[in-house]
């Protein structure tokens, strides 16, 4: 991989650019919290060749939402389930809108 290839990945939400320590620092939480949401299967960090956890920006957004719920008093397991369901709902809504646009392009609504 060249330096240009690496630089291009900075805009990739799924590129595992953050170490566990940096991710915890950015989220204002502990590394233990990140391990706990990993154990709850909310996020699965990628591993470096040395076995260290690496997090993407997308995973950090998910973790931040879980932390928000936990800070409001929601148990961590419930917070993880809520975030998973929110993420699934968002994806379903995105797909629904995409299908609707595709159907409208094939069968445009009648002019009024």
PDB file of N, CA and C in Angstrom:
ATOM      1  N   UNK A   1       0.849  -1.169   0.000  1.00  0.00           N
ATOM      2  CA  UNK A   1       0.000   0.000   0.000  1.00  0.00           C
ATOM      3  C   UNK A   1       0.898   1.235   0.000  1.00  0.00           C
ATOM      4  N   UNK A   2       0.585   2.180  -0.828  1.00  0.00           N
ATOM      5  CA  UNK A   2       1.378   3.401  -0.915  1.00  0.00           C
ATOM      6  C   UNK A   2       0.800   4.454   0.026  1.00  0.00           C
ATOM      7  N   UNK A   3       1.551   5.518   0.221  1.00  0.00           N
ATOM      8  CA  UNK A   3       1.076   6.618   1.058  1.00  0.00           C
ATOM      9  C   UNK A   3      -0.193   7.222   0.463  1.00  0.00           C
ATOM     10  N   UNK A   4      -0.270   7.294  -0.858  1.00  0.00           N
ATOM     11  CA  UNK A   4      -1.471   7.839  -1.504  1.00  0.00           C
ATOM     12  C   UNK A   4      -2.690   6.973  -1.208  1.00  0.00           C
ATOM     13  N   UNK A   5      -2.514   5.637  -1.190  1.00  0.00           N
ATOM     14  CA  UNK A   5      -3.614   4.732  -0.868  1.00  0.00           C
ATOM     15  C   UNK A   5      -4.100   4.972   0.560  1.00  0.00           C
ATOM     16  N   UNK A   6      -3.175   5.109   1.496  1.00  0.00           N
ATOM     17  CA  UNK A   6      -3.533   5.332   2.894  1.00  0.00           C
ATOM     18  C   UNK A   6      -4.255   6.659   3.068  1.00  0.00           C
ATOM     19  N   UNK A   7      -3.756   7.702   2.412  1.00  0.00           N
ATOM     20  CA  UNK A   7      -4.365   9.015   2.525  1.00  0.00           C
ATOM     21  C   UNK A   7      -5.798   8.990   2.016  1.00  0.00           C
ATOM     22  N   UNK A   8      -6.046   8.265   0.943  1.00  0.00           N
ATOM     23  CA  UNK A   8      -7.385   8.162   0.375  1.00  0.00           C
ATOM     24  C   UNK A   8      -8.380   7.506   1.313  1.00  0.00           C
ATOM     25  N   UNK A   9      -7.915   6.706   2.231  1.00  0.00           N
ATOM     26  CA  UNK A   9      -8.799   6.017   3.165  1.00  0.00           C
ATOM     27  C   UNK A   9      -9.265   6.903   4.320  1.00  0.00           C
ATOM     28  N   UNK A  10      -8.681   8.075   4.455  1.00  0.00           N
ATOM     29  CA  UNK A  10      -9.068   8.950   5.557  1.00  0.00           C
ATOM     30  C   UNK A  10     -10.540   9.342   5.480  1.00  0.00           C
ATOM     31  N   UNK A  11     -11.113   9.349   4.297  1.00  0.00           N
ATOM     32  CA  UNK A  11     -12.527   9.670   4.131  1.00  0.00           C
ATOM     33  C   UNK A  11     -13.429   8.445   4.250  1.00  0.00           C
ATOM     34  N   UNK A  12     -12.848   7.282   4.405  1.00  0.00           N
ATOM     35  CA  UNK A  12     -13.602   6.026   4.479  1.00  0.00           C
ATOM     36  C   UNK A  12     -14.099   5.815   5.908  1.00  0.00           C
ATOM     37  N   UNK A  13     -15.429   5.857   6.105  1.00  0.00           N
ATOM     38  CA  UNK A  13     -16.017   5.663   7.432  1.00  0.00           C
ATOM     39  C   UNK A  13     -15.734   4.285   8.023  1.00  0.00           C
ATOM     40  N   UNK A  14     -15.416   3.326   7.180  1.00  0.00           N
ATOM     41  CA  UNK A  14     -15.200   1.957   7.652  1.00  0.00           C
ATOM     42  C   UNK A  14     -13.735   1.599   7.833  1.00  0.00           C
ATOM     43  N   UNK A  15     -12.827   2.526   7.541  1.00  0.00           N
ATOM     44  CA  UNK A  15     -11.405   2.251   7.687  1.00  0.00           C
ATOM     45  C   UNK A  15     -11.029   2.280   9.169  1.00  0.00           C
ATOM     46  N   UNK A  16     -10.418   1.221   9.681  1.00  0.00           N
ATOM     47  CA  UNK A  16     -10.092   1.130  11.114  1.00  0.00           C
ATOM     48  C   UNK A  16      -8.855   1.964  11.469  1.00  0.00           C
ATOM     49  N   UNK A  17      -9.034   3.256  11.600  1.00  0.00           N
ATOM     50  CA  UNK A  17      -7.914   4.178  11.775  1.00  0.00           C
ATOM     51  C   UNK A  17      -7.561   4.469  13.232  1.00  0.00           C
ATOM     52  N   UNK A  18      -8.436   4.134  14.175  1.00  0.00           N
ATOM     53  CA  UNK A  18      -8.240   4.552  15.556  1.00  0.00           C
ATOM     54  C   UNK A  18      -7.878   3.392  16.478  1.00  0.00           C
ATOM     55  N   UNK A  19      -6.840   3.595  17.259  1.00  0.00           N
ATOM     56  CA  UNK A  19      -6.475   2.601  18.274  1.00  0.00           C
ATOM     57  C   UNK A  19      -7.507   2.658  19.395  1.00  0.00           C
ATOM     58  N   UNK A  20      -7.488   1.659  20.250  1.00  0.00           N
ATOM     59  CA  UNK A  20      -8.427   1.636  21.365  1.00  0.00           C
ATOM     60  C   UNK A  20      -8.222   2.859  22.270  1.00  0.00           C
ATOM     61  N   UNK A  21      -6.981   3.182  22.556  1.00  0.00           N
ATOM     62  CA  UNK A  21      -6.713   4.323  23.416  1.00  0.00           C
ATOM     63  C   UNK A  21      -7.215   5.626  22.821  1.00  0.00           C
ATOM     64  N   UNK A  22      -6.966   5.830  21.544  1.00  0.00           N
ATOM     65  CA  UNK A  22      -7.414   7.053  20.862  1.00  0.00           C
ATOM     66  C   UNK A  22      -8.931   7.082  20.765  1.00  0.00           C
ATOM     67  N   UNK A  23      -9.550   5.942  20.485  1.00  0.00           N
ATOM     68  CA  UNK A  23     -11.014   5.874  20.402  1.00  0.00           C
ATOM     69  C   UNK A  23     -11.631   6.229  21.750  1.00  0.00           C
ATOM     70  N   UNK A  24     -11.105   5.680  22.827  1.00  0.00           N
ATOM     71  CA  UNK A  24     -11.621   5.987  24.161  1.00  0.00           C
ATOM     72  C   UNK A  24     -11.454   7.468  24.470  1.00  0.00           C
ATOM     73  N   UNK A  25     -10.327   8.016  24.095  1.00  0.00           N
ATOM     74  CA  UNK A  25     -10.060   9.441  24.324  1.00  0.00           C
ATOM     75  C   UNK A  25     -11.058  10.304  23.556  1.00  0.00           C
ATOM     76  N   UNK A  26     -11.288   9.995  22.293  1.00  0.00           N
ATOM     77  CA  UNK A  26     -12.226  10.766  21.474  1.00  0.00           C
ATOM     78  C   UNK A  26     -13.647  10.704  22.026  1.00  0.00           C
ATOM     79  N   UNK A  27     -14.022   9.545  22.568  1.00  0.00           N
ATOM     80  CA  UNK A  27     -15.370   9.358  23.093  1.00  0.00           C
ATOM     81  C   UNK A  27     -15.518   9.849  24.533  1.00  0.00           C
ATOM     82  N   UNK A  28     -14.399  10.125  25.173  1.00  0.00           N
ATOM     83  CA  UNK A  28     -14.453  10.537  26.573  1.00  0.00           C
ATOM     84  C   UNK A  28     -14.884   9.409  27.485  1.00  0.00           C
ATOM     85  N   UNK A  29     -14.423   8.214  27.166  1.00  0.00           N
ATOM     86  CA  UNK A  29     -14.807   7.035  27.937  1.00  0.00           C
ATOM     87  C   UNK A  29     -13.566   6.208  28.245  1.00  0.00           C
ATOM     88  N   UNK A  30     -13.761   5.024  28.753  1.00  0.00           N
ATOM     89  CA  UNK A  30     -12.633   4.156  29.085  1.00  0.00           C
ATOM     90  C   UNK A  30     -12.473   3.059  28.042  1.00  0.00           C
ATOM     91  N   UNK A  31     -11.312   2.464  28.049  1.00  0.00           N
ATOM     92  CA  UNK A  31     -11.084   1.317  27.171  1.00  0.00           C
ATOM     93  C   UNK A  31     -11.973   0.153  27.600  1.00  0.00           C
ATOM     94  N   UNK A  32     -12.256   0.064  28.885  1.00  0.00           N
ATOM     95  CA  UNK A  32     -13.157  -0.975  29.393  1.00  0.00           C
ATOM     96  C   UNK A  32     -14.544  -0.866  28.796  1.00  0.00           C
ATOM     97  N   UNK A  33     -15.025   0.368  28.601  1.00  0.00           N
ATOM     98  CA  UNK A  33     -16.328   0.571  27.967  1.00  0.00           C
ATOM     99  C   UNK A  33     -16.310   0.022  26.548  1.00  0.00           C
ATOM    100  N   UNK A  34     -15.239   0.311  25.816  1.00  0.00           N
ATOM    101  CA  UNK A  34     -15.128  -0.199  24.441  1.00  0.00           C
ATOM    102  C   UNK A  34     -15.077  -1.722  24.426  1.00  0.00           C
ATOM    103  N   UNK A  35     -14.369  -2.310  25.378  1.00  0.00           N
ATOM    104  CA  UNK A  35     -14.345  -3.780  25.463  1.00  0.00           C
ATOM    105  C   UNK A  35     -15.740  -4.319  25.773  1.00  0.00           C
ATOM    106  N   UNK A  36     -16.460  -3.635  26.677  1.00  0.00           N
ATOM    107  CA  UNK A  36     -17.800  -4.091  27.073  1.00  0.00           C
ATOM    108  C   UNK A  36     -18.776  -4.055  25.899  1.00  0.00           C
ATOM    109  N   UNK A  37     -18.745  -2.990  25.095  1.00  0.00           N
ATOM    110  CA  UNK A  37     -19.680  -2.960  23.964  1.00  0.00           C
ATOM    111  C   UNK A  37     -19.240  -3.932  22.878  1.00  0.00           C
ATOM    112  N   UNK A  38     -17.963  -4.265  22.853  1.00  0.00           N
ATOM    113  CA  UNK A  38     -17.498  -5.323  21.955  1.00  0.00           C
ATOM    114  C   UNK A  38     -18.009  -6.679  22.403  1.00  0.00           C
ATOM    115  N   UNK A  39     -17.957  -6.921  23.720  1.00  0.00           N
ATOM    116  CA  UNK A  39     -18.464  -8.186  24.268  1.00  0.00           C
ATOM    117  C   UNK A  39     -19.969  -8.299  24.068  1.00  0.00           C
ATOM    118  N   UNK A  40     -20.666  -7.163  24.092  1.00  0.00           N
ATOM    119  CA  UNK A  40     -22.115  -7.153  23.853  1.00  0.00           C
ATOM    120  C   UNK A  40     -22.435  -7.235  22.362  1.00  0.00           C
ATOM    121  N   UNK A  41     -21.393  -7.303  21.542  1.00  0.00           N
ATOM    122  CA  UNK A  41     -21.500  -7.434  20.083  1.00  0.00           C
ATOM    123  C   UNK A  41     -22.144  -6.246  19.396  1.00  0.00           C
ATOM    124  N   UNK A  42     -21.988  -5.075  20.017  1.00  0.00           N
ATOM    125  CA  UNK A  42     -22.468  -3.871  19.352  1.00  0.00           C
ATOM    126  C   UNK A  42     -21.535  -3.521  18.207  1.00  0.00           C
ATOM    127  N   UNK A  43     -20.249  -3.582  18.468  1.00  0.00           N
ATOM    128  CA  UNK A  43     -19.239  -3.354  17.442  1.00  0.00           C
ATOM    129  C   UNK A  43     -18.173  -4.427  17.557  1.00  0.00           C
ATOM    130  N   UNK A  44     -17.584  -4.753  16.447  1.00  0.00           N
ATOM    131  CA  UNK A  44     -16.479  -5.712  16.422  1.00  0.00           C
ATOM    132  C   UNK A  44     -15.292  -5.009  15.778  1.00  0.00           C
ATOM    133  N   UNK A  45     -14.367  -4.544  16.627  1.00  0.00           N
ATOM    134  CA  UNK A  45     -13.223  -3.838  16.043  1.00  0.00           C
ATOM    135  C   UNK A  45     -12.359  -4.781  15.229  1.00  0.00           C
ATOM    136  N   UNK A  46     -11.740  -4.229  14.211  1.00  0.00           N
ATOM    137  CA  UNK A  46     -10.779  -5.015  13.446  1.00  0.00           C
ATOM    138  C   UNK A  46      -9.507  -5.113  14.267  1.00  0.00           C
ATOM    139  N   UNK A  47      -8.654  -6.030  13.913  1.00  0.00           N
ATOM    140  CA  UNK A  47      -7.405  -6.209  14.653  1.00  0.00           C
ATOM    141  C   UNK A  47      -6.220  -5.909  13.746  1.00  0.00           C
ATOM    142  N   UNK A  48      -5.225  -5.251  14.325  1.00  0.00           N
ATOM    143  CA  UNK A  48      -3.984  -5.001  13.591  1.00  0.00           C
ATOM    144  C   UNK A  48      -3.215  -6.307  13.514  1.00  0.00           C
ATOM    145  N   UNK A  49      -2.136  -6.320  12.753  1.00  0.00           N
ATOM    146  CA  UNK A  49      -1.317  -7.534  12.656  1.00  0.00           C
ATOM    147  C   UNK A  49      -0.819  -7.970  14.023  1.00  0.00           C
ATOM    148  N   UNK A  50      -0.622  -7.017  14.921  1.00  0.00           N
ATOM    149  CA  UNK A  50      -0.168  -7.313  16.276  1.00  0.00           C
ATOM    150  C   UNK A  50      -1.296  -7.693  17.221  1.00  0.00           C
ATOM    151  N   UNK A  51      -2.535  -7.704  16.733  1.00  0.00           N
ATOM    152  CA  UNK A  51      -3.680  -8.100  17.546  1.00  0.00           C
ATOM    153  C   UNK A  51      -4.366  -6.963  18.282  1.00  0.00           C
ATOM    154  N   UNK A  52      -3.945  -5.723  18.034  1.00  0.00           N
ATOM    155  CA  UNK A  52      -4.551  -4.576  18.714  1.00  0.00           C
ATOM    156  C   UNK A  52      -5.860  -4.185  18.048  1.00  0.00           C
ATOM    157  N   UNK A  53      -6.822  -3.769  18.864  1.00  0.00           N
ATOM    158  CA  UNK A  53      -8.121  -3.345  18.334  1.00  0.00           C
ATOM    159  C   UNK A  53      -7.979  -2.024  17.575  1.00  0.00           C
ATOM    160  N   UNK A  54      -8.696  -1.940  16.455  1.00  0.00           N
ATOM    161  CA  UNK A  54      -8.736  -0.728  15.637  1.00  0.00           C
ATOM    162  C   UNK A  54     -10.200  -0.421  15.328  1.00  0.00           C
ATOM    163  N   UNK A  55     -10.551   0.844  15.470  1.00  0.00           N
ATOM    164  CA  UNK A  55     -11.934   1.274  15.299  1.00  0.00           C
ATOM    165  C   UNK A  55     -12.076   2.231  14.122  1.00  0.00           C
ATOM    166  N   UNK A  56     -13.213   2.151  13.453  1.00  0.00           N
ATOM    167  CA  UNK A  56     -13.521   3.058  12.342  1.00  0.00           C
ATOM    168  C   UNK A  56     -14.361   4.225  12.870  1.00  0.00           C
ATOM    169  N   UNK A  57     -14.501   5.248  12.039  1.00  0.00           N
ATOM    170  CA  UNK A  57     -15.350   6.383  12.426  1.00  0.00           C
ATOM    171  C   UNK A  57     -16.799   5.933  12.605  1.00  0.00           C
ATOM    172  N   UNK A  58     -17.250   5.032  11.755  1.00  0.00           N
ATOM    173  CA  UNK A  58     -18.618   4.513  11.899  1.00  0.00           C
ATOM    174  C   UNK A  58     -18.779   3.837  13.260  1.00  0.00           C
ATOM    175  N   UNK A  59     -17.818   3.011  13.647  1.00  0.00           N
ATOM    176  CA  UNK A  59     -17.885   2.340  14.938  1.00  0.00           C
ATOM    177  C   UNK A  59     -17.841   3.336  16.096  1.00  0.00           C
ATOM    178  N   UNK A  60     -17.090   4.404  15.934  1.00  0.00           N
ATOM    179  CA  UNK A  60     -17.034   5.420  16.986  1.00  0.00           C
ATOM    180  C   UNK A  60     -18.383   6.127  17.138  1.00  0.00           C
ATOM    181  N   UNK A  61     -19.078   6.363  16.028  1.00  0.00           N
ATOM    182  CA  UNK A  61     -20.412   6.972  16.123  1.00  0.00           C
ATOM    183  C   UNK A  61     -21.370   6.040  16.854  1.00  0.00           C
ATOM    184  N   UNK A  62     -21.293   4.758  16.554  1.00  0.00           N
ATOM    185  CA  UNK A  62     -22.141   3.774  17.225  1.00  0.00           C
ATOM    186  C   UNK A  62     -21.817   3.733  18.718  1.00  0.00           C
ATOM    187  N   UNK A  63     -20.542   3.706  19.040  1.00  0.00           N
ATOM    188  CA  UNK A  63     -20.101   3.676  20.439  1.00  0.00           C
ATOM    189  C   UNK A  63     -20.535   4.942  21.177  1.00  0.00           C
ATOM    190  N   UNK A  64     -20.477   6.088  20.496  1.00  0.00           N
ATOM    191  CA  UNK A  64     -20.882   7.352  21.116  1.00  0.00           C
ATOM    192  C   UNK A  64     -22.363   7.331  21.469  1.00  0.00           C
ATOM    193  N   UNK A  65     -23.181   6.754  20.587  1.00  0.00           N
ATOM    194  CA  UNK A  65     -24.620   6.658  20.869  1.00  0.00           C
ATOM    195  C   UNK A  65     -24.856   5.743  22.064  1.00  0.00           C
ATOM    196  N   UNK A  66     -24.137   4.630  22.137  1.00  0.00           N
ATOM    197  CA  UNK A  66     -24.281   3.720  23.276  1.00  0.00           C
ATOM    198  C   UNK A  66     -23.878   4.422  24.565  1.00  0.00           C
ATOM    199  N   UNK A  67     -22.788   5.170  24.509  1.00  0.00           N
ATOM    200  CA  UNK A  67     -22.334   5.889  25.703  1.00  0.00           C
ATOM    201  C   UNK A  67     -23.374   6.900  26.149  1.00  0.00           C
ATOM    202  N   UNK A  68     -23.994   7.583  25.197  1.00  0.00           N
ATOM    203  CA  UNK A  68     -25.047   8.553  25.519  1.00  0.00           C
ATOM    204  C   UNK A  68     -26.175   7.882  26.301  1.00  0.00           C
ATOM    205  N   UNK A  69     -26.598   6.713  25.837  1.00  0.00           N
ATOM    206  CA  UNK A  69     -27.674   5.979  26.520  1.00  0.00           C
ATOM    207  C   UNK A  69     -27.232   5.509  27.901  1.00  0.00           C
ATOM    208  N   UNK A  70     -26.013   5.012  28.007  1.00  0.00           N
ATOM    209  CA  UNK A  70     -25.492   4.543  29.299  1.00  0.00           C
ATOM    210  C   UNK A  70     -25.392   5.717  30.274  1.00  0.00           C
ATOM    211  N   UNK A  71     -24.944   6.861  29.774  1.00  0.00           N
ATOM    212  CA  UNK A  71     -24.848   8.050  30.628  1.00  0.00           C
ATOM    213  C   UNK A  71     -26.214   8.496  31.142  1.00  0.00           C
ATOM    214  N   UNK A  72     -27.280   8.147  30.407  1.00  0.00           N
ATOM    215  CA  UNK A  72     -28.645   8.484  30.824  1.00  0.00           C
ATOM    216  C   UNK A  72     -29.225   7.435  31.760  1.00  0.00           C
ATOM    217  N   UNK A  73     -28.441   6.403  32.076  1.00  0.00           N
ATOM    218  CA  UNK A  73     -28.887   5.395  33.040  1.00  0.00           C
ATOM    219  C   UNK A  73     -29.332   4.072  32.442  1.00  0.00           C
ATOM    220  N   UNK A  74     -29.222   3.910  31.141  1.00  0.00           N
ATOM    221  CA  UNK A  74     -29.608   2.660  30.495  1.00  0.00           C
ATOM    222  C   UNK A  74     -28.514   1.619  30.721  1.00  0.00           C
ATOM    223  N   UNK A  75     -28.878   0.404  31.135  1.00  0.00           N
ATOM    224  CA  UNK A  75     -27.858  -0.648  31.276  1.00  0.00           C
ATOM    225  C   UNK A  75     -27.148  -0.888  29.938  1.00  0.00           C
ATOM    226  N   UNK A  76     -25.884  -1.234  29.988  1.00  0.00           N
ATOM    227  CA  UNK A  76     -25.077  -1.333  28.770  1.00  0.00           C
ATOM    228  C   UNK A  76     -25.644  -2.336  27.767  1.00  0.00           C
ATOM    229  N   UNK A  77     -26.158  -3.471  28.247  1.00  0.00           N
ATOM    230  CA  UNK A  77     -26.715  -4.469  27.326  1.00  0.00           C
ATOM    231  C   UNK A  77     -27.942  -3.913  26.608  1.00  0.00           C
ATOM    232  N   UNK A  78     -28.798  -3.204  27.351  1.00  0.00           N
ATOM    233  CA  UNK A  78     -29.990  -2.598  26.747  1.00  0.00           C
ATOM    234  C   UNK A  78     -29.592  -1.481  25.783  1.00  0.00           C
ATOM    235  N   UNK A  79     -28.608  -0.687  26.156  1.00  0.00           N
ATOM    236  CA  UNK A  79     -28.138   0.394  25.288  1.00  0.00           C
ATOM    237  C   UNK A  79     -27.637  -0.180  23.968  1.00  0.00           C
ATOM    238  N   UNK A  80     -26.890  -1.270  24.049  1.00  0.00           N
ATOM    239  CA  UNK A  80     -26.373  -1.888  22.825  1.00  0.00           C
ATOM    240  C   UNK A  80     -27.517  -2.391  21.951  1.00  0.00           C
ATOM    241  N   UNK A  81     -28.514  -2.980  22.561  1.00  0.00           N
ATOM    242  CA  UNK A  81     -29.661  -3.483  21.784  1.00  0.00           C
ATOM    243  C   UNK A  81     -30.418  -2.327  21.133  1.00  0.00           C
ATOM    244  N   UNK A  82     -30.601  -1.251  21.865  1.00  0.00           N
ATOM    245  CA  UNK A  82     -31.283  -0.079  21.318  1.00  0.00           C
ATOM    246  C   UNK A  82     -30.524   0.471  20.116  1.00  0.00           C
ATOM    247  N   UNK A  83     -29.213   0.593  20.240  1.00  0.00           N
ATOM    248  CA  UNK A  83     -28.403   1.135  19.153  1.00  0.00           C
ATOM    249  C   UNK A  83     -28.467   0.221  17.935  1.00  0.00           C
ATOM    250  N   UNK A  84     -28.433  -1.074  18.148  1.00  0.00           N
ATOM    251  CA  UNK A  84     -28.541  -2.032  17.039  1.00  0.00           C
ATOM    252  C   UNK A  84     -29.880  -1.848  16.325  1.00  0.00           C
ATOM    253  N   UNK A  85     -30.949  -1.742  17.089  1.00  0.00           N
ATOM    254  CA  UNK A  85     -32.273  -1.557  16.489  1.00  0.00           C
ATOM    255  C   UNK A  85     -32.383  -0.218  15.771  1.00  0.00           C
ATOM    256  N   UNK A  86     -31.812   0.840  16.334  1.00  0.00           N
ATOM    257  CA  UNK A  86     -31.822   2.136  15.659  1.00  0.00           C
ATOM    258  C   UNK A  86     -31.073   2.061  14.335  1.00  0.00           C
ATOM    259  N   UNK A  87     -29.946   1.376  14.342  1.00  0.00           N
ATOM    260  CA  UNK A  87     -29.142   1.238  13.130  1.00  0.00           C
ATOM    261  C   UNK A  87     -29.895   0.427  12.071  1.00  0.00           C
ATOM    262  N   UNK A  88     -30.566  -0.634  12.495  1.00  0.00           N
ATOM    263  CA  UNK A  88     -31.343  -1.442  11.554  1.00  0.00           C
ATOM    264  C   UNK A  88     -32.510  -0.648  10.977  1.00  0.00           C
ATOM    265  N   UNK A  89     -33.164   0.150  11.813  1.00  0.00           N
ATOM    266  CA  UNK A  89     -34.269   0.978  11.341  1.00  0.00           C
ATOM    267  C   UNK A  89     -33.781   1.996  10.322  1.00  0.00           C
ATOM    268  N   UNK A  90     -32.666   2.640  10.611  1.00  0.00           N
ATOM    269  CA  UNK A  90     -32.105   3.629   9.675  1.00  0.00           C
ATOM    270  C   UNK A  90     -31.777   2.989   8.330  1.00  0.00           C
ATOM    271  N   UNK A  91     -31.204   1.805   8.363  1.00  0.00           N
ATOM    272  CA  UNK A  91     -30.871   1.102   7.120  1.00  0.00           C
ATOM    273  C   UNK A  91     -32.141   0.714   6.359  1.00  0.00           C
ATOM    274  N   UNK A  92     -33.165   0.234   7.071  1.00  0.00           N
ATOM    275  CA  UNK A  92     -34.425  -0.135   6.426  1.00  0.00           C
ATOM    276  C   UNK A  92     -35.087   1.086   5.785  1.00  0.00           C
ATOM    277  N   UNK A  93     -35.032   2.222   6.478  1.00  0.00           N
ATOM    278  CA  UNK A  93     -35.616   3.442   5.913  1.00  0.00           C
ATOM    279  C   UNK A  93     -34.848   3.899   4.676  1.00  0.00           C
ATOM    280  N   UNK A  94     -33.530   3.761   4.710  1.00  0.00           N
ATOM    281  CA  UNK A  94     -32.713   4.134   3.558  1.00  0.00           C
ATOM    282  C   UNK A  94     -33.057   3.254   2.363  1.00  0.00           C
ATOM    283  N   UNK A  95     -33.167   1.943   2.593  1.00  0.00           N
ATOM    284  CA  UNK A  95     -33.512   1.019   1.509  1.00  0.00           C
ATOM    285  C   UNK A  95     -34.916   1.287   0.974  1.00  0.00           C
ATOM    286  N   UNK A  96     -35.843   1.566   1.867  1.00  0.00           N
ATOM    287  CA  UNK A  96     -37.213   1.846   1.458  1.00  0.00           C
ATOM    288  C   UNK A  96     -37.256   3.072   0.555  1.00  0.00           C
ATOM    289  N   UNK A  97     -36.537   4.121   0.927  1.00  0.00           N
ATOM    290  CA  UNK A  97     -36.495   5.333   0.106  1.00  0.00           C
ATOM    291  C   UNK A  97     -35.858   5.040  -1.252  1.00  0.00           C
ATOM    292  N   UNK A  98     -34.830   4.215  -1.243  1.00  0.00           N
ATOM    293  CA  UNK A  98     -34.158   3.839  -2.494  1.00  0.00           C
ATOM    294  C   UNK A  98     -35.112   3.062  -3.407  1.00  0.00           C
ATOM    295  N   UNK A  99     -35.848   2.121  -2.843  1.00  0.00           N
ATOM    296  CA  UNK A  99     -36.804   1.342  -3.636  1.00  0.00           C
ATOM    297  C   UNK A  99     -37.924   2.249  -4.156  1.00  0.00           C
ATOM    298  N   UNK A 100     -38.357   3.181  -3.336  1.00  0.00           N
ATOM    299  CA  UNK A 100     -39.429   4.093  -3.750  1.00  0.00           C
ATOM    300  C   UNK A 100     -38.966   4.952  -4.928  1.00  0.00           C
ATOM    301  N   UNK A 101     -37.737   5.468  -4.855  1.00  0.00           N
ATOM    302  CA  UNK A 101     -37.199   6.274  -5.960  1.00  0.00           C
ATOM    303  C   UNK A 101     -37.095   5.438  -7.236  1.00  0.00           C
ATOM    304  N   UNK A 102     -36.655   4.198  -7.097  1.00  0.00           N
ATOM    305  CA  UNK A 102     -36.521   3.320  -8.267  1.00  0.00           C
ATOM    306  C   UNK A 102     -37.892   3.045  -8.888  1.00  0.00           C
ATOM    307  N   UNK A 103     -38.903   2.806  -8.037  1.00  0.00           N
ATOM    308  CA  UNK A 103     -40.246   2.532  -8.542  1.00  0.00           C
ATOM    309  C   UNK A 103     -40.833   3.769  -9.218  1.00  0.00           C
ATOM    310  N   UNK A 104     -40.569   4.936  -8.659  1.00  0.00           N
ATOM    311  CA  UNK A 104     -41.089   6.174  -9.267  1.00  0.00           C
ATOM    312  C   UNK A 104     -40.420   6.488 -10.595  1.00  0.00           C
ATOM    313  N   UNK A 105     -39.174   6.076 -10.745  1.00  0.00           N
ATOM    314  CA  UNK A 105     -38.502   6.334 -12.023  1.00  0.00           C
ATOM    315  C   UNK A 105     -39.049   5.414 -13.125  1.00  0.00           C
ATOM    316  N   UNK A 106     -39.540   4.247 -12.755  1.00  0.00           N
ATOM    317  CA  UNK A 106     -40.134   3.315 -13.717  1.00  0.00           C
ATOM    318  C   UNK A 106     -41.578   3.722 -14.002  1.00  0.00           C
ATOM    319  N   UNK A 107     -42.315   4.067 -12.972  1.00  0.00           N
ATOM    320  CA  UNK A 107     -43.707   4.472 -13.078  1.00  0.00           C
ATOM    321  C   UNK A 107     -43.900   5.841 -12.444  1.00  0.00           C
ATOM    322  N   UNK A 108     -43.583   6.914 -13.147  1.00  0.00           N
ATOM    323  CA  UNK A 108     -43.717   8.251 -12.542  1.00  0.00           C
ATOM    324  C   UNK A 108     -45.161   8.547 -12.168  1.00  0.00           C
ATOM    325  N   UNK A 109     -45.353   9.301 -11.082  1.00  0.00           N
ATOM    326  CA  UNK A 109     -46.740   9.643 -10.689  1.00  0.00           C
ATOM    327  C   UNK A 109     -47.387  10.507 -11.776  1.00  0.00           C
ATOM    328  N   UNK A 110     -48.716  10.406 -11.925  1.00  0.00           N
ATOM    329  CA  UNK A 110     -49.402  11.199 -12.966  1.00  0.00           C
ATOM    330  C   UNK A 110     -49.267  12.683 -12.685  1.00  0.00           C
ATOM    331  N   UNK A 111     -49.182  13.462 -13.765  1.00  0.00           N
ATOM    332  CA  UNK A 111     -49.084  14.921 -13.641  1.00  0.00           C
ATOM    333  C   UNK A 111     -50.440  15.465 -13.195  1.00  0.00           C
ATOM    334  N   UNK A 112     -50.389  16.463 -12.368  1.00  0.00           N
ATOM    335  CA  UNK A 112     -51.638  17.027 -11.840  1.00  0.00           C
ATOM    336  C   UNK A 112     -51.984  18.297 -12.566  1.00  0.00           C
TER     337      UNK A 112
END
